[in-house]
């Protein structure tokens, strides 16, 4: 995968078959999870120059700030995410089986709210679950504008 391509889970993940769900993370019995390393490498190969895709200004600044938060809490290698990256993949992190993943994403979302100076609430984040990073950043900018 190229750095400029969106981060994507393969078609077989997350598993829908009950046995694959049951054996997730169990080598040879569950779904192949080696793609997590490829996701990590793809994201790690992104550079600051790629961030120009955001178009500059507040949008790019917020994308970098949110990316830094996701990087720190969810263990991505860099803060560089592109607008077409699905938030579900970003929030899932670059590896499977992190014990505190729910806490980590909750802390990341809390820090984003602190950065904006506005509590966004669970409905905002629930609605954002199917967003791309670009859609999330645009929603965050809109929410920040309404708070001022």
C-alpha atoms as a PDB file:
ATOM      1  CA  UNK A   1       0.000   0.000   0.000  1.00  0.00           C
ATOM      2  CA  UNK A   2       1.141   3.504  -0.786  1.00  0.00           C
ATOM      3  CA  UNK A   3       1.362   6.106   2.004  1.00  0.00           C
ATOM      4  CA  UNK A   4      -1.189   8.274   0.179  1.00  0.00           C
ATOM      5  CA  UNK A   5      -3.800   5.497   0.075  1.00  0.00           C
ATOM      6  CA  UNK A   6      -6.380   5.309   2.870  1.00  0.00           C
ATOM      7  CA  UNK A   7      -5.816   2.884   5.708  1.00  0.00           C
ATOM      8  CA  UNK A   8      -8.215  -0.031   5.219  1.00  0.00           C
ATOM      9  CA  UNK A   9      -9.081  -3.255   6.919  1.00  0.00           C
ATOM     10  CA  UNK A  10      -9.195  -6.256   4.563  1.00  0.00           C
ATOM     11  CA  UNK A  11     -12.581  -7.658   3.585  1.00  0.00           C
ATOM     12  CA  UNK A  12     -12.292 -10.513   6.092  1.00  0.00           C
ATOM     13  CA  UNK A  13     -11.964  -8.139   9.076  1.00  0.00           C
ATOM     14  CA  UNK A  14     -13.774  -7.799  11.337  1.00  0.00           C
ATOM     15  CA  UNK A  15     -14.962 -11.382  11.048  1.00  0.00           C
ATOM     16  CA  UNK A  16     -18.662 -12.106  10.691  1.00  0.00           C
ATOM     17  CA  UNK A  17     -18.494 -15.912  10.930  1.00  0.00           C
ATOM     18  CA  UNK A  18     -19.163 -16.990  14.525  1.00  0.00           C
ATOM     19  CA  UNK A  19     -16.168 -19.352  14.618  1.00  0.00           C
ATOM     20  CA  UNK A  20     -13.822 -16.722  13.212  1.00  0.00           C
ATOM     21  CA  UNK A  21     -15.141 -14.302  15.850  1.00  0.00           C
ATOM     22  CA  UNK A  22     -14.636 -16.882  18.562  1.00  0.00           C
ATOM     23  CA  UNK A  23     -11.075 -17.663  17.462  1.00  0.00           C
ATOM     24  CA  UNK A  24     -10.035 -14.097  16.656  1.00  0.00           C
ATOM     25  CA  UNK A  25      -6.410 -13.685  17.552  1.00  0.00           C
ATOM     26  CA  UNK A  26      -5.813 -17.454  17.596  1.00  0.00           C
ATOM     27  CA  UNK A  27      -3.323 -18.314  14.893  1.00  0.00           C
ATOM     28  CA  UNK A  28      -4.537 -20.713  12.178  1.00  0.00           C
ATOM     29  CA  UNK A  29      -8.064 -20.875  13.617  1.00  0.00           C
ATOM     30  CA  UNK A  30      -9.102 -17.235  13.536  1.00  0.00           C
ATOM     31  CA  UNK A  31      -8.837 -14.631  10.792  1.00  0.00           C
ATOM     32  CA  UNK A  32      -5.404 -13.611   9.547  1.00  0.00           C
ATOM     33  CA  UNK A  33      -4.371 -10.513  11.512  1.00  0.00           C
ATOM     34  CA  UNK A  34      -1.016  -9.916   9.817  1.00  0.00           C
ATOM     35  CA  UNK A  35      -2.544  -6.927   8.038  1.00  0.00           C
ATOM     36  CA  UNK A  36      -2.142  -4.868  11.225  1.00  0.00           C
ATOM     37  CA  UNK A  37       1.615  -4.745  10.625  1.00  0.00           C
ATOM     38  CA  UNK A  38       1.002  -3.572   7.052  1.00  0.00           C
ATOM     39  CA  UNK A  39      -1.322  -0.834   8.325  1.00  0.00           C
ATOM     40  CA  UNK A  40       1.308   0.281  10.823  1.00  0.00           C
ATOM     41  CA  UNK A  41       4.003   0.359   8.140  1.00  0.00           C
ATOM     42  CA  UNK A  42       1.782   2.199   5.683  1.00  0.00           C
ATOM     43  CA  UNK A  43       0.928   4.886   8.217  1.00  0.00           C
ATOM     44  CA  UNK A  44       4.527   5.106   9.439  1.00  0.00           C
ATOM     45  CA  UNK A  45       5.702   5.817   5.889  1.00  0.00           C
ATOM     46  CA  UNK A  46       3.625   8.986   5.689  1.00  0.00           C
ATOM     47  CA  UNK A  47       5.462  12.298   5.862  1.00  0.00           C
ATOM     48  CA  UNK A  48       4.546  15.856   6.817  1.00  0.00           C
ATOM     49  CA  UNK A  49       4.439  16.783   3.123  1.00  0.00           C
ATOM     50  CA  UNK A  50       1.503  14.418   2.614  1.00  0.00           C
ATOM     51  CA  UNK A  51      -0.507  16.546   5.034  1.00  0.00           C
ATOM     52  CA  UNK A  52      -0.847  19.215   2.335  1.00  0.00           C
ATOM     53  CA  UNK A  53      -3.725  17.062   1.089  1.00  0.00           C
ATOM     54  CA  UNK A  54      -5.782  18.695   3.858  1.00  0.00           C
ATOM     55  CA  UNK A  55      -5.576  22.052   2.074  1.00  0.00           C
ATOM     56  CA  UNK A  56      -3.818  24.090   4.739  1.00  0.00           C
ATOM     57  CA  UNK A  57      -5.309  26.444   7.303  1.00  0.00           C
ATOM     58  CA  UNK A  58      -7.366  25.439  10.314  1.00  0.00           C
ATOM     59  CA  UNK A  59      -8.433  22.172   8.729  1.00  0.00           C
ATOM     60  CA  UNK A  60      -4.853  20.978   8.317  1.00  0.00           C
ATOM     61  CA  UNK A  61      -3.852  22.239  11.769  1.00  0.00           C
ATOM     62  CA  UNK A  62      -6.755  20.418  13.398  1.00  0.00           C
ATOM     63  CA  UNK A  63      -6.025  17.255  11.399  1.00  0.00           C
ATOM     64  CA  UNK A  64      -2.424  17.313  12.655  1.00  0.00           C
ATOM     65  CA  UNK A  65      -3.478  17.989  16.240  1.00  0.00           C
ATOM     66  CA  UNK A  66      -6.117  15.215  16.233  1.00  0.00           C
ATOM     67  CA  UNK A  67      -3.645  12.909  14.475  1.00  0.00           C
ATOM     68  CA  UNK A  68      -1.098  13.592  17.200  1.00  0.00           C
ATOM     69  CA  UNK A  69      -3.641  12.661  19.844  1.00  0.00           C
ATOM     70  CA  UNK A  70      -4.633   9.455  18.038  1.00  0.00           C
ATOM     71  CA  UNK A  71      -0.962   8.633  17.544  1.00  0.00           C
ATOM     72  CA  UNK A  72      -0.140   9.085  21.209  1.00  0.00           C
ATOM     73  CA  UNK A  73      -3.104   7.198  22.672  1.00  0.00           C
ATOM     74  CA  UNK A  74      -3.553   4.489  20.039  1.00  0.00           C
ATOM     75  CA  UNK A  75       0.134   3.823  19.328  1.00  0.00           C
ATOM     76  CA  UNK A  76       0.299   4.890  15.693  1.00  0.00           C
ATOM     77  CA  UNK A  77       3.830   5.709  14.580  1.00  0.00           C
ATOM     78  CA  UNK A  78       3.102   9.241  13.371  1.00  0.00           C
ATOM     79  CA  UNK A  79       0.384  11.916  13.535  1.00  0.00           C
ATOM     80  CA  UNK A  80      -0.170  11.773   9.781  1.00  0.00           C
ATOM     81  CA  UNK A  81      -3.637  10.696   8.723  1.00  0.00           C
ATOM     82  CA  UNK A  82      -5.332  11.598   5.456  1.00  0.00           C
ATOM     83  CA  UNK A  83      -8.935  12.709   4.905  1.00  0.00           C
ATOM     84  CA  UNK A  84     -10.004   9.337   3.452  1.00  0.00           C
ATOM     85  CA  UNK A  85      -8.749   7.269   6.392  1.00  0.00           C
ATOM     86  CA  UNK A  86     -11.799   5.670   8.068  1.00  0.00           C
ATOM     87  CA  UNK A  87     -12.077   6.777  11.675  1.00  0.00           C
ATOM     88  CA  UNK A  88     -12.903   3.177  12.623  1.00  0.00           C
ATOM     89  CA  UNK A  89      -9.469   2.037  11.417  1.00  0.00           C
ATOM     90  CA  UNK A  90      -7.671   4.971  13.060  1.00  0.00           C
ATOM     91  CA  UNK A  91      -9.515   4.321  16.335  1.00  0.00           C
ATOM     92  CA  UNK A  92      -8.740   0.597  16.065  1.00  0.00           C
ATOM     93  CA  UNK A  93      -5.020   1.294  16.227  1.00  0.00           C
ATOM     94  CA  UNK A  94      -2.179  -0.458  14.445  1.00  0.00           C
ATOM     95  CA  UNK A  95      -2.331  -3.743  16.320  1.00  0.00           C
ATOM     96  CA  UNK A  96      -4.866  -6.258  17.532  1.00  0.00           C
ATOM     97  CA  UNK A  97      -5.613  -7.110  21.113  1.00  0.00           C
ATOM     98  CA  UNK A  98      -4.675  -3.979  23.013  1.00  0.00           C
ATOM     99  CA  UNK A  99      -6.128  -4.617  26.470  1.00  0.00           C
ATOM    100  CA  UNK A 100      -7.133  -1.039  27.236  1.00  0.00           C
ATOM    101  CA  UNK A 101      -8.254  -0.032  23.732  1.00  0.00           C
ATOM    102  CA  UNK A 102     -11.647   1.262  24.928  1.00  0.00           C
ATOM    103  CA  UNK A 103      -9.939   3.371  27.573  1.00  0.00           C
ATOM    104  CA  UNK A 104      -7.331   4.599  25.096  1.00  0.00           C
ATOM    105  CA  UNK A 105      -9.886   5.774  22.529  1.00  0.00           C
ATOM    106  CA  UNK A 106     -11.976   7.347  25.286  1.00  0.00           C
ATOM    107  CA  UNK A 107      -8.938   9.244  26.550  1.00  0.00           C
ATOM    108  CA  UNK A 108      -8.072  10.332  22.995  1.00  0.00           C
ATOM    109  CA  UNK A 109     -11.586  11.645  22.380  1.00  0.00           C
ATOM    110  CA  UNK A 110     -11.518  13.422  25.742  1.00  0.00           C
ATOM    111  CA  UNK A 111      -8.260  15.149  24.833  1.00  0.00           C
ATOM    112  CA  UNK A 112      -9.717  16.238  21.484  1.00  0.00           C
ATOM    113  CA  UNK A 113     -12.648  17.784  23.366  1.00  0.00           C
ATOM    114  CA  UNK A 114     -10.222  19.534  25.747  1.00  0.00           C
ATOM    115  CA  UNK A 115      -8.210  20.846  22.812  1.00  0.00           C
ATOM    116  CA  UNK A 116     -11.394  22.315  21.295  1.00  0.00           C
ATOM    117  CA  UNK A 117     -12.537  23.610  24.670  1.00  0.00           C
ATOM    118  CA  UNK A 118     -15.930  22.039  24.136  1.00  0.00           C
ATOM    119  CA  UNK A 119     -17.545  18.845  25.406  1.00  0.00           C
ATOM    120  CA  UNK A 120     -19.045  17.170  22.353  1.00  0.00           C
ATOM    121  CA  UNK A 121     -20.969  14.385  24.054  1.00  0.00           C
ATOM    122  CA  UNK A 122     -21.477  10.732  23.324  1.00  0.00           C
ATOM    123  CA  UNK A 123     -24.008  11.359  20.510  1.00  0.00           C
ATOM    124  CA  UNK A 124     -21.391  13.340  18.555  1.00  0.00           C
ATOM    125  CA  UNK A 125     -18.849  10.518  18.831  1.00  0.00           C
ATOM    126  CA  UNK A 126     -21.404   7.793  18.151  1.00  0.00           C
ATOM    127  CA  UNK A 127     -22.430   9.579  14.928  1.00  0.00           C
ATOM    128  CA  UNK A 128     -18.750  10.025  13.995  1.00  0.00           C
ATOM    129  CA  UNK A 129     -18.047   6.287  14.213  1.00  0.00           C
ATOM    130  CA  UNK A 130     -18.689   5.788  10.496  1.00  0.00           C
ATOM    131  CA  UNK A 131     -16.841   8.954   9.414  1.00  0.00           C
ATOM    132  CA  UNK A 132     -13.563   9.364   7.634  1.00  0.00           C
ATOM    133  CA  UNK A 133     -10.888  11.525   9.210  1.00  0.00           C
ATOM    134  CA  UNK A 134     -11.831  14.317   6.790  1.00  0.00           C
ATOM    135  CA  UNK A 135     -15.464  14.178   7.854  1.00  0.00           C
ATOM    136  CA  UNK A 136     -14.461  14.109  11.514  1.00  0.00           C
ATOM    137  CA  UNK A 137     -12.187  17.133  11.161  1.00  0.00           C
ATOM    138  CA  UNK A 138     -14.940  19.047   9.354  1.00  0.00           C
ATOM    139  CA  UNK A 139     -17.439  18.156  12.105  1.00  0.00           C
ATOM    140  CA  UNK A 140     -14.938  19.212  14.766  1.00  0.00           C
ATOM    141  CA  UNK A 141     -14.387  22.557  13.025  1.00  0.00           C
ATOM    142  CA  UNK A 142     -18.140  23.077  12.825  1.00  0.00           C
ATOM    143  CA  UNK A 143     -18.617  22.188  16.498  1.00  0.00           C
ATOM    144  CA  UNK A 144     -15.803  24.550  17.504  1.00  0.00           C
ATOM    145  CA  UNK A 145     -17.334  27.365  15.432  1.00  0.00           C
ATOM    146  CA  UNK A 146     -20.710  26.905  17.170  1.00  0.00           C
ATOM    147  CA  UNK A 147     -19.068  27.075  20.604  1.00  0.00           C
ATOM    148  CA  UNK A 148     -17.548  30.489  19.950  1.00  0.00           C
END
